[in-house]
Amino acid sequence: MNVLDGRRFVGLLAREGFSEAASPEEAGVILLNTCSVRDKAEQKVYDRLGRLAKLKRERPDTVLGVCGCVAQQEGERLLERLPQVDFVLGTGRIEALPSVLRRVEEEDDRPCETGFDPDEVVYTPGAIARSAPHRAAITVIEGCNKNCTFCVVPRTRGRERNRRLRDVVDESRRLLGEGALEIELLGQTVNAFRDPETGEDLADLLRAVGVLPGLQRLRFVTSHPRNFSARLIAAMADTPAVVPALHLPVQSGSDAVLRRMKRQYTRAEYLDLVGSLHGTIPDLALSTDVIVGFPGETDDDFAATLSLLEEVRFAGVFSFTYSPRPQTAALRWEHDVTPREASFRLARLMVIQQEIQRQLNREMEGRTLEVLIEGLDRKRLICSGRSRCNRVVNIAGESALRPGTLVDVRIERGFPNSLLGRIEREGEADFLRRVNVRGQSMWATNADPGTGTF
């Protein structure tokens, strides 16, 4: 979601004649797109601003803007605290970026634009500088109405505001026509989506987007367990383009902690939902979020979280120690889990989860997975991509496949965080590669693995 907002900045300024600079030192305008979901992320913002202050002293004509969640959260305080900052732009005012920049440059103003339109998502689909043409993210709902006691998102992203289903379908159709193969529908609570005019929900949206010509994969993130319905599960199962991968944050395995978090479900209800999902969608890969060290979390509460990991066997877990956030209910509570104990619990959880992932990925050995190439692996030696179940797959012996190519890969090794495989071959010389050419699938044989051409 933050990446998409960043590309919106670039696209909006491209319409004003700007182009992307290679580094801050070469830029006339510098934008920091910020996150405040955890204290560590917020502190990185101030660290970066401190370093950019030197650049501003050397080049005072450079315009420096703070955007995103920290901007929305702190507002005018940023301008008061940091003289090097020229403007502040909140998450609900992204479309105002060109006019804000003109005020800075033409009127010598220091604008602070925050707040939200209470009725709709203000969004210009055509003003997004897409960096990966084969993958496209689309905002369908902004904000959150949940008010979890640890979470700052309702303050930094506002209340829920929905786009119209037909507008999302039209945007999807245009992006597919431009070469996209995969579409990801975004929202802070994406499965709370409701068309403001028709009342159609995410299940209806999945079915409407899922039948568009050229679409290979359809994802959505992030879902709240409380908003999952039997209709949504059925739509996932009945729409072939919807991938068998789902991010479903649980946060804790303890009912006592879930109540204090105000998560609106119990452990048993979460497990019932997981059972329904697995029973309806074969080979579904679940990932989740977990917070450890939440105020009042006892050893027994933490043990309940570990046992939940063992029971569900998530394909991936994003785990964090509790981070107090401003304007949240939990900020007022006693923080009775010490940082040292919270870090110990996190380390223990990660060891257990890594072993679960190792086992799950070893079970993938010998299977053939369709992989969408993203580029080179972290060492920049071989091609890497993601399977439909959202696992990272590195492809041995291939270093020149084009991003956006679909290949069938036989998995040879499973590691905790990735898979290693080879493109399926016929005999010793031939192999089959499935590619997408202008939205139509084809099979190619005897392709040149060195050039990625057909």
Protein backbone atom coordinates (compact mmCIF):
# COMPACT_ATOMS: atom_id res chain seq x y z
CA MET A 1 0.00 0.00 0.00
CA ASN A 2 2.85 2.38 0.79
CA VAL A 3 4.63 1.44 -2.42
CA LEU A 4 1.51 2.25 -4.42
CA ASP A 5 1.24 5.65 -2.70
CA GLY A 6 4.86 6.32 -3.65
CA ARG A 7 4.14 5.56 -7.28
CA ARG A 8 1.16 7.90 -7.09
CA PHE A 9 3.54 10.70 -6.04
CA VAL A 10 5.78 9.98 -9.02
CA GLY A 11 2.89 9.80 -11.45
CA LEU A 12 1.28 13.03 -10.24
CA LEU A 13 4.56 14.95 -10.54
CA ALA A 14 5.31 13.40 -13.94
CA ARG A 15 2.18 15.17 -15.16
CA GLU A 16 3.79 18.42 -13.99
CA GLY A 17 6.95 17.79 -16.02
CA PHE A 18 9.09 16.15 -13.34
CA SER A 19 11.16 12.99 -13.84
CA GLU A 20 12.65 10.66 -11.24
CA ALA A 21 16.16 11.46 -9.99
CA ALA A 22 18.75 8.79 -9.31
CA SER A 23 19.58 10.11 -5.82
CA PRO A 24 18.52 12.83 -3.35
CA GLU A 25 21.63 14.81 -4.23
CA GLU A 26 20.41 15.11 -7.83
CA ALA A 27 16.80 15.97 -7.00
CA GLY A 28 15.05 19.31 -6.90
CA VAL A 29 12.18 17.80 -4.90
CA ILE A 30 12.60 15.11 -2.22
CA LEU A 31 9.56 13.29 -0.81
CA LEU A 32 9.63 10.99 2.22
CA ASN A 33 6.74 8.54 2.14
CA THR A 34 6.49 7.56 5.79
CA CYS A 35 5.04 4.77 7.96
CA SER A 36 4.10 5.00 11.63
CA VAL A 37 2.65 1.55 12.28
CA ARG A 38 5.68 0.82 14.52
CA ASP A 39 7.93 3.13 16.48
CA LYS A 40 11.04 1.84 14.69
CA ALA A 41 9.65 2.87 11.31
CA GLU A 42 8.78 6.31 12.65
CA GLN A 43 12.24 6.83 14.13
CA LYS A 44 13.78 6.01 10.75
CA VAL A 45 11.89 9.01 9.36
CA TYR A 46 13.50 11.41 11.82
CA ASP A 47 16.91 9.85 11.23
CA ARG A 48 16.55 10.35 7.48
CA LEU A 49 15.30 13.92 7.95
CA GLY A 50 18.32 14.69 10.10
CA ARG A 51 20.63 13.55 7.32
CA LEU A 52 18.67 15.48 4.69
CA ALA A 53 19.01 18.66 6.76
CA LYS A 54 22.68 18.82 5.72
CA LEU A 55 21.70 18.57 2.07
CA LYS A 56 19.16 21.38 2.55
CA ARG A 57 21.85 23.62 4.06
CA GLU A 58 24.07 22.99 1.06
CA ARG A 59 21.22 23.35 -1.46
CA PRO A 60 18.52 25.53 0.13
CA ASP A 61 16.42 25.58 -3.06
CA THR A 62 15.74 21.83 -2.74
CA VAL A 63 12.14 21.21 -1.70
CA LEU A 64 11.69 18.62 1.06
CA GLY A 65 8.25 17.19 1.81
CA VAL A 66 7.12 14.68 4.43
CA CYS A 67 4.22 12.54 3.25
CA GLY A 68 2.31 9.49 4.46
CA CYS A 69 1.35 8.28 7.90
CA VAL A 70 3.87 10.22 10.02
CA ALA A 71 2.79 13.36 8.17
CA GLN A 72 -0.85 12.60 8.90
CA GLN A 73 -0.09 11.78 12.54
CA GLU A 74 2.17 14.73 13.38
CA GLY A 75 0.89 17.44 11.04
CA GLU A 76 1.95 20.98 11.99
CA ARG A 77 4.29 19.63 14.68
CA LEU A 78 6.66 18.47 11.94
CA LEU A 79 6.92 22.00 10.54
CA GLU A 80 7.47 23.43 14.02
CA ARG A 81 10.09 20.86 14.94
CA LEU A 82 11.98 20.59 11.63
CA PRO A 83 12.81 23.82 9.80
CA GLN A 84 14.26 21.86 6.87
CA VAL A 85 10.80 20.49 5.99
CA ASP A 86 8.98 22.59 3.37
CA PHE A 87 5.58 20.90 3.47
CA VAL A 88 3.56 18.10 5.10
CA LEU A 89 1.14 15.96 3.10
CA GLY A 90 -1.13 13.42 4.80
CA THR A 91 -2.36 10.12 3.43
CA GLY A 92 -5.75 11.54 2.44
CA ARG A 93 -4.29 14.46 0.49
CA ILE A 94 -2.00 12.75 -2.03
CA GLU A 95 -3.87 14.21 -5.00
CA ALA A 96 -3.07 17.72 -3.71
CA LEU A 97 0.70 17.19 -4.19
CA PRO A 98 1.05 19.31 -7.37
CA SER A 99 -0.83 22.28 -5.88
CA VAL A 100 1.08 22.00 -2.59
CA LEU A 101 4.38 22.05 -4.46
CA ARG A 102 3.31 25.16 -6.38
CA ARG A 103 2.49 26.90 -3.10
CA VAL A 104 5.99 26.15 -1.83
CA GLU A 105 7.75 27.30 -4.99
CA GLU A 106 5.57 30.25 -6.02
CA GLU A 107 4.22 31.59 -2.70
CA ASP A 108 7.07 30.68 -0.32
CA ASP A 109 4.47 28.86 1.79
CA ARG A 110 4.98 25.88 4.14
CA PRO A 111 1.68 24.01 3.65
CA CYS A 112 0.33 21.33 5.96
CA GLU A 113 -2.36 19.30 4.19
CA THR A 114 -3.95 16.56 6.30
CA GLY A 115 -7.44 15.19 6.83
CA PHE A 116 -9.73 12.99 4.77
CA ASP A 117 -12.68 13.24 2.44
CA PRO A 118 -15.36 11.54 4.57
CA ASP A 119 -17.24 9.99 1.65
CA GLU A 120 -14.89 8.52 -0.94
CA VAL A 121 -11.38 7.57 -1.95
CA VAL A 122 -9.80 10.48 -3.82
CA TYR A 123 -7.80 8.62 -6.43
CA THR A 124 -6.59 9.24 -10.01
CA PRO A 125 -5.89 5.80 -11.54
CA GLY A 126 -4.21 7.25 -14.61
CA ALA A 127 -1.67 9.19 -12.53
CA ILE A 128 0.30 6.23 -11.19
CA ALA A 129 3.83 5.55 -12.42
CA ARG A 130 3.75 1.76 -12.55
CA SER A 131 7.26 0.35 -12.05
CA ALA A 132 6.43 -3.30 -12.88
CA PRO A 133 4.04 -3.52 -15.86
CA HIS A 134 3.25 -7.19 -15.27
CA ARG A 135 1.98 -6.55 -11.72
CA ALA A 136 -0.51 -3.90 -10.64
CA ALA A 137 -1.86 -2.93 -7.24
CA ILE A 138 -5.25 -1.19 -7.04
CA THR A 139 -6.69 0.56 -4.00
CA VAL A 140 -10.32 -0.48 -3.48
CA ILE A 141 -10.92 0.77 0.08
CA GLU A 142 -9.07 3.23 2.31
CA GLY A 143 -9.13 3.50 6.09
CA CYS A 144 -10.28 1.22 8.88
CA ASN A 145 -13.22 1.20 11.32
CA LYS A 146 -11.87 -1.46 13.67
CA ASN A 147 -10.04 0.57 16.36
CA CYS A 148 -7.78 -2.23 17.61
CA THR A 149 -6.20 -0.99 20.83
CA PHE A 150 -2.61 -1.24 19.51
CA CYS A 151 -3.15 0.21 16.04
CA VAL A 152 -2.62 3.76 14.78
CA VAL A 153 -4.07 3.10 11.30
CA PRO A 154 -7.56 4.56 11.95
CA ARG A 155 -5.84 7.83 12.91
CA THR A 156 -3.36 7.88 10.03
CA ARG A 157 -5.64 6.47 7.31
CA GLY A 158 -9.06 7.58 8.54
CA ARG A 159 -12.41 5.81 8.49
CA GLU A 160 -13.39 3.39 5.72
CA ARG A 161 -13.98 4.96 2.32
CA ASN A 162 -14.84 2.77 -0.67
CA ARG A 163 -14.44 3.07 -4.41
CA ARG A 164 -17.16 2.00 -6.81
CA LEU A 165 -16.90 -1.58 -8.06
CA ARG A 166 -17.29 -0.54 -11.68
CA ASP A 167 -14.37 1.90 -11.35
CA VAL A 168 -12.11 -0.85 -10.00
CA VAL A 169 -13.16 -3.17 -12.84
CA ASP A 170 -12.49 -0.45 -15.41
CA GLU A 171 -9.05 0.23 -13.95
CA SER A 172 -8.27 -3.49 -13.93
CA ARG A 173 -9.34 -3.85 -17.56
CA ARG A 174 -7.11 -0.93 -18.59
CA LEU A 175 -4.08 -2.32 -16.71
CA LEU A 176 -4.55 -5.76 -18.24
CA GLY A 177 -4.66 -4.13 -21.65
CA GLU A 178 -1.33 -2.51 -20.83
CA GLY A 179 0.28 -5.87 -20.07
CA ALA A 180 -0.50 -6.64 -16.43
CA LEU A 181 -0.78 -10.33 -15.57
CA GLU A 182 -1.37 -10.03 -11.83
CA ILE A 183 -3.65 -7.63 -9.97
CA GLU A 184 -3.62 -7.09 -6.22
CA LEU A 185 -6.61 -5.40 -4.58
CA LEU A 186 -5.57 -3.25 -1.62
CA GLY A 187 -7.17 -1.94 1.53
CA GLN A 188 -6.34 -1.57 5.20
CA THR A 189 -9.33 -3.90 5.74
CA VAL A 190 -9.87 -5.02 2.18
CA ASN A 191 -12.65 -7.51 2.93
CA ALA A 192 -14.75 -4.71 4.41
CA PHE A 193 -15.18 -3.37 0.86
CA ARG A 194 -18.70 -2.25 -0.04
CA ASP A 195 -19.62 -0.39 -3.21
CA PRO A 196 -21.02 2.94 -1.90
CA GLU A 197 -23.83 2.88 -4.48
CA THR A 198 -24.76 -0.78 -4.98
CA GLY A 199 -23.61 -2.42 -1.73
CA GLU A 200 -21.67 -5.08 -3.66
CA ASP A 201 -18.87 -6.59 -1.57
CA LEU A 202 -15.41 -8.08 -2.08
CA ALA A 203 -16.88 -11.41 -3.19
CA ASP A 204 -18.69 -9.59 -6.00
CA LEU A 205 -15.53 -7.67 -6.87
CA LEU A 206 -13.42 -10.84 -7.08
CA ARG A 207 -15.91 -12.41 -9.45
CA ALA A 208 -16.12 -9.26 -11.59
CA VAL A 209 -12.35 -8.74 -11.91
CA GLY A 210 -11.55 -12.45 -12.02
CA VAL A 211 -13.18 -13.02 -15.42
CA LEU A 212 -11.41 -10.19 -17.25
CA PRO A 213 -9.41 -11.34 -20.32
CA GLY A 214 -5.68 -11.62 -19.80
CA LEU A 215 -5.77 -11.88 -16.00
CA GLN A 216 -3.54 -14.66 -14.71
CA ARG A 217 -3.52 -13.96 -10.96
CA LEU A 218 -5.73 -12.04 -8.56
CA ARG A 219 -4.74 -11.27 -4.95
CA PHE A 220 -6.11 -9.10 -2.15
CA VAL A 221 -4.66 -7.76 1.10
CA THR A 222 -5.11 -7.16 4.04
CA SER A 223 -8.08 -9.11 5.39
CA HIS A 224 -9.58 -8.96 8.88
CA PRO A 225 -10.89 -12.31 10.19
CA ARG A 226 -14.08 -10.64 11.40
CA ASN A 227 -15.03 -9.60 7.85
CA PHE A 228 -14.68 -13.03 6.25
CA SER A 229 -17.90 -14.57 5.00
CA ALA A 230 -18.94 -17.83 3.39
CA ARG A 231 -19.69 -15.81 0.23
CA LEU A 232 -16.12 -14.54 0.10
CA ILE A 233 -14.64 -18.00 0.60
CA ALA A 234 -16.89 -19.34 -2.18
CA ALA A 235 -15.84 -16.52 -4.52
CA MET A 236 -12.18 -17.32 -3.86
CA ALA A 237 -12.74 -20.99 -4.62
CA ASP A 238 -14.92 -20.42 -7.69
CA THR A 239 -12.74 -17.79 -9.39
CA PRO A 240 -9.75 -19.52 -11.04
CA ALA A 241 -7.67 -16.35 -11.19
CA VAL A 242 -7.77 -15.93 -7.40
CA VAL A 243 -4.51 -17.37 -6.08
CA PRO A 244 -4.38 -19.92 -3.22
CA ALA A 245 -2.62 -17.48 -0.89
CA LEU A 246 -4.13 -15.34 1.84
CA HIS A 247 -2.77 -12.97 4.48
CA LEU A 248 -4.98 -13.26 7.57
CA PRO A 249 -3.56 -11.45 10.64
CA VAL A 250 -4.22 -13.21 13.95
CA GLN A 251 -1.96 -11.10 16.25
CA SER A 252 -2.20 -13.51 19.21
CA GLY A 253 -3.28 -17.04 20.04
CA SER A 254 -4.60 -16.06 23.48
CA ASP A 255 -8.25 -15.12 23.99
CA ALA A 256 -7.29 -12.83 26.88
CA VAL A 257 -4.86 -10.89 24.68
CA LEU A 258 -7.28 -10.83 21.74
CA ARG A 259 -9.89 -9.23 24.01
CA ARG A 260 -7.45 -6.56 25.15
CA MET A 261 -6.47 -5.97 21.55
CA LYS A 262 -10.17 -5.57 20.65
CA ARG A 263 -9.79 -7.97 17.74
CA GLN A 264 -13.49 -9.02 17.78
CA TYR A 265 -12.86 -12.76 17.46
CA THR A 266 -11.69 -15.63 19.64
CA ARG A 267 -9.01 -18.19 19.01
CA ALA A 268 -11.70 -20.80 18.31
CA GLU A 269 -13.43 -18.54 15.80
CA TYR A 270 -10.16 -17.87 14.01
CA LEU A 271 -9.41 -21.61 13.83
CA ASP A 272 -12.93 -22.31 12.53
CA LEU A 273 -12.33 -19.78 9.76
CA VAL A 274 -8.98 -21.37 8.91
CA GLY A 275 -10.70 -24.77 8.77
CA SER A 276 -13.36 -23.44 6.38
CA LEU A 277 -10.70 -21.89 4.15
CA HIS A 278 -8.57 -25.02 3.98
CA GLY A 279 -11.64 -27.19 3.47
CA THR A 280 -12.77 -25.13 0.48
CA ILE A 281 -9.50 -24.01 -1.15
CA PRO A 282 -6.96 -26.82 -1.70
CA ASP A 283 -3.30 -26.03 -1.02
CA LEU A 284 -4.12 -22.61 0.44
CA ALA A 285 -0.99 -20.91 1.82
CA LEU A 286 -1.82 -18.76 4.84
CA SER A 287 0.36 -16.00 6.22
CA THR A 288 -0.29 -13.87 9.27
CA ASP A 289 0.85 -11.11 11.62
CA VAL A 290 1.76 -11.74 15.27
CA ILE A 291 2.52 -9.26 18.07
CA VAL A 292 4.42 -10.48 21.13
CA GLY A 293 4.89 -8.65 24.40
CA PHE A 294 1.50 -6.91 24.31
CA PRO A 295 0.59 -5.31 27.67
CA GLY A 296 -0.59 -8.02 30.04
CA GLU A 297 0.73 -10.93 27.93
CA THR A 298 1.65 -13.73 30.34
CA ASP A 299 3.83 -16.76 29.71
CA ASP A 300 0.64 -18.76 29.21
CA ASP A 301 -0.66 -16.23 26.69
CA PHE A 302 2.57 -16.45 24.73
CA ALA A 303 2.47 -20.26 24.89
CA ALA A 304 -1.03 -20.09 23.38
CA THR A 305 0.38 -18.12 20.45
CA LEU A 306 3.11 -20.69 19.88
CA SER A 307 0.59 -23.52 19.96
CA LEU A 308 -1.55 -21.67 17.40
CA LEU A 309 1.43 -21.51 15.05
CA GLU A 310 1.92 -25.25 15.44
CA GLU A 311 -1.77 -25.92 14.83
CA VAL A 312 -2.28 -23.70 11.78
CA ARG A 313 1.21 -24.09 10.27
CA PHE A 314 1.40 -20.74 8.51
CA ALA A 315 3.43 -20.47 5.31
CA GLY A 316 4.75 -17.14 6.55
CA VAL A 317 4.57 -14.98 9.67
CA PHE A 318 5.33 -11.28 10.09
CA SER A 319 6.15 -11.04 13.79
CA PHE A 320 6.93 -8.01 15.92
CA THR A 321 7.37 -6.96 19.52
CA TYR A 322 4.63 -4.64 20.73
CA SER A 323 5.31 -1.00 19.89
CA PRO A 324 3.32 1.69 21.76
CA ARG A 325 1.70 4.08 19.29
CA PRO A 326 0.24 7.55 19.88
CA GLN A 327 -3.51 8.02 20.29
CA THR A 328 -4.12 4.30 20.91
CA ALA A 329 -5.85 2.79 23.94
CA ALA A 330 -2.93 0.46 24.76
CA LEU A 331 -0.61 3.44 25.12
CA ARG A 332 -2.29 4.23 28.47
CA TRP A 333 -1.79 0.73 29.88
CA GLU A 334 1.05 -0.60 31.98
CA HIS A 335 3.77 -2.05 29.77
CA ASP A 336 4.50 -4.99 32.05
CA VAL A 337 6.42 -7.09 29.51
CA THR A 338 10.01 -5.83 29.51
CA PRO A 339 11.74 -5.14 26.18
CA ARG A 340 14.21 -7.91 26.98
CA GLU A 341 11.43 -10.44 27.62
CA ALA A 342 9.54 -9.34 24.50
CA SER A 343 12.69 -9.78 22.39
CA PHE A 344 13.27 -13.22 23.90
CA ARG A 345 9.72 -14.25 23.05
CA LEU A 346 10.05 -12.94 19.51
CA ALA A 347 13.29 -14.86 18.95
CA ARG A 348 11.69 -18.06 20.25
CA LEU A 349 8.65 -17.60 18.02
CA MET A 350 10.83 -17.02 14.97
CA VAL A 351 12.83 -20.20 15.58
CA ILE A 352 9.64 -22.26 15.77
CA GLN A 353 8.11 -20.59 12.72
CA GLN A 354 11.28 -21.03 10.66
CA GLU A 355 11.14 -24.76 11.31
CA ILE A 356 7.47 -24.88 10.30
CA GLN A 357 8.30 -23.06 7.07
CA ARG A 358 11.24 -25.39 6.44
CA GLN A 359 8.95 -28.40 6.76
CA LEU A 360 6.22 -26.91 4.59
CA ASN A 361 8.67 -25.91 1.87
CA ARG A 362 10.33 -29.32 1.89
CA GLU A 363 6.89 -30.77 1.22
CA MET A 364 6.92 -28.77 -2.02
CA GLU A 365 9.93 -30.71 -3.34
CA GLY A 366 9.05 -32.64 -6.47
CA ARG A 367 6.04 -30.46 -7.27
CA THR A 368 5.76 -28.25 -10.33
CA LEU A 369 4.74 -24.64 -9.66
CA GLU A 370 3.86 -21.85 -12.04
CA VAL A 371 6.24 -18.96 -11.30
CA LEU A 372 5.89 -15.33 -12.33
CA ILE A 373 9.41 -13.96 -12.86
CA GLU A 374 10.18 -10.79 -10.88
CA GLY A 375 13.89 -10.38 -11.66
CA LEU A 376 17.15 -11.68 -10.19
CA ASP A 377 17.52 -13.17 -6.72
CA ARG A 378 19.11 -11.26 -3.83
CA LYS A 379 22.60 -12.24 -4.95
CA ARG A 380 21.68 -11.15 -8.50
CA LEU A 381 22.85 -14.46 -9.94
CA ILE A 382 19.72 -16.33 -10.99
CA CYS A 383 16.14 -15.47 -11.84
CA SER A 384 13.57 -15.36 -9.08
CA GLY A 385 9.81 -15.06 -8.91
CA ARG A 386 6.72 -16.02 -6.97
CA SER A 387 4.43 -18.99 -7.23
CA ARG A 388 0.65 -18.68 -7.14
CA CYS A 389 0.87 -19.63 -3.45
CA ASN A 390 3.15 -16.57 -3.00
CA ARG A 391 6.35 -18.47 -2.25
CA VAL A 392 9.67 -17.10 -3.48
CA VAL A 393 11.11 -19.46 -6.10
CA ASN A 394 14.71 -19.17 -7.31
CA ILE A 395 15.41 -20.87 -10.64
CA ALA A 396 18.73 -22.66 -11.04
CA GLY A 397 20.55 -22.16 -14.33
CA GLU A 398 18.43 -19.22 -15.45
CA SER A 399 19.70 -15.65 -15.35
CA ALA A 400 18.04 -13.90 -18.30
CA LEU A 401 14.31 -14.52 -18.08
CA ARG A 402 12.31 -11.36 -18.53
CA PRO A 403 10.25 -10.04 -15.60
CA GLY A 404 6.65 -10.88 -16.28
CA THR A 405 7.41 -14.27 -17.83
CA LEU A 406 5.41 -17.24 -16.54
CA VAL A 407 7.36 -20.48 -16.26
CA ASP A 408 6.67 -23.94 -14.89
CA VAL A 409 9.32 -24.84 -12.33
CA ARG A 410 9.97 -28.22 -10.75
CA ILE A 411 10.98 -27.69 -7.13
CA GLU A 412 14.20 -29.41 -6.06
CA ARG A 413 14.90 -27.89 -2.64
CA GLY A 414 12.80 -26.26 0.03
CA PHE A 415 14.35 -23.76 2.44
CA PRO A 416 12.67 -21.81 5.27
CA ASN A 417 12.16 -18.67 3.20
CA SER A 418 12.35 -19.80 -0.42
CA LEU A 419 12.27 -22.65 -2.90
CA LEU A 420 14.86 -23.68 -5.49
CA GLY A 421 13.91 -25.37 -8.73
CA ARG A 422 14.51 -25.76 -12.43
CA ILE A 423 12.35 -25.09 -15.44
CA GLU A 424 10.71 -28.33 -16.55
CA ARG A 425 12.51 -29.95 -19.45
CA GLU A 426 11.65 -32.61 -22.00
CA GLY A 427 14.56 -34.98 -22.39
CA GLU A 428 17.90 -33.20 -22.32
CA ALA A 429 17.39 -30.31 -24.72
CA ASP A 430 13.80 -29.16 -24.73
CA PHE A 431 11.75 -27.51 -22.09
CA LEU A 432 8.28 -26.07 -21.92
CA ARG A 433 7.77 -22.49 -20.96
CA ARG A 434 4.42 -20.87 -20.60
CA VAL A 435 4.44 -17.18 -21.42
CA ASN A 436 1.89 -14.45 -21.69
CA VAL A 437 1.89 -12.42 -24.88
CA ARG A 438 -0.48 -9.43 -24.83
CA GLY A 439 -2.85 -11.17 -22.48
CA GLN A 440 -2.99 -14.52 -24.35
CA SER A 441 -1.31 -17.69 -23.12
CA MET A 442 0.82 -19.80 -25.42
CA TRP A 443 3.19 -22.72 -25.14
CA ALA A 444 6.73 -22.42 -26.48
CA THR A 445 9.27 -25.19 -26.94
CA ASN A 446 12.98 -25.11 -27.68
CA ALA A 447 13.21 -21.61 -26.20
CA ASP A 448 16.66 -20.17 -25.72
CA PRO A 449 17.33 -20.16 -21.95
CA GLY A 450 20.19 -17.77 -22.40
CA THR A 451 18.19 -14.92 -23.88
CA GLY A 452 14.66 -15.55 -22.67
CA THR A 453 13.37 -15.14 -26.25
CA PHE A 454 10.99 -17.41 -28.13
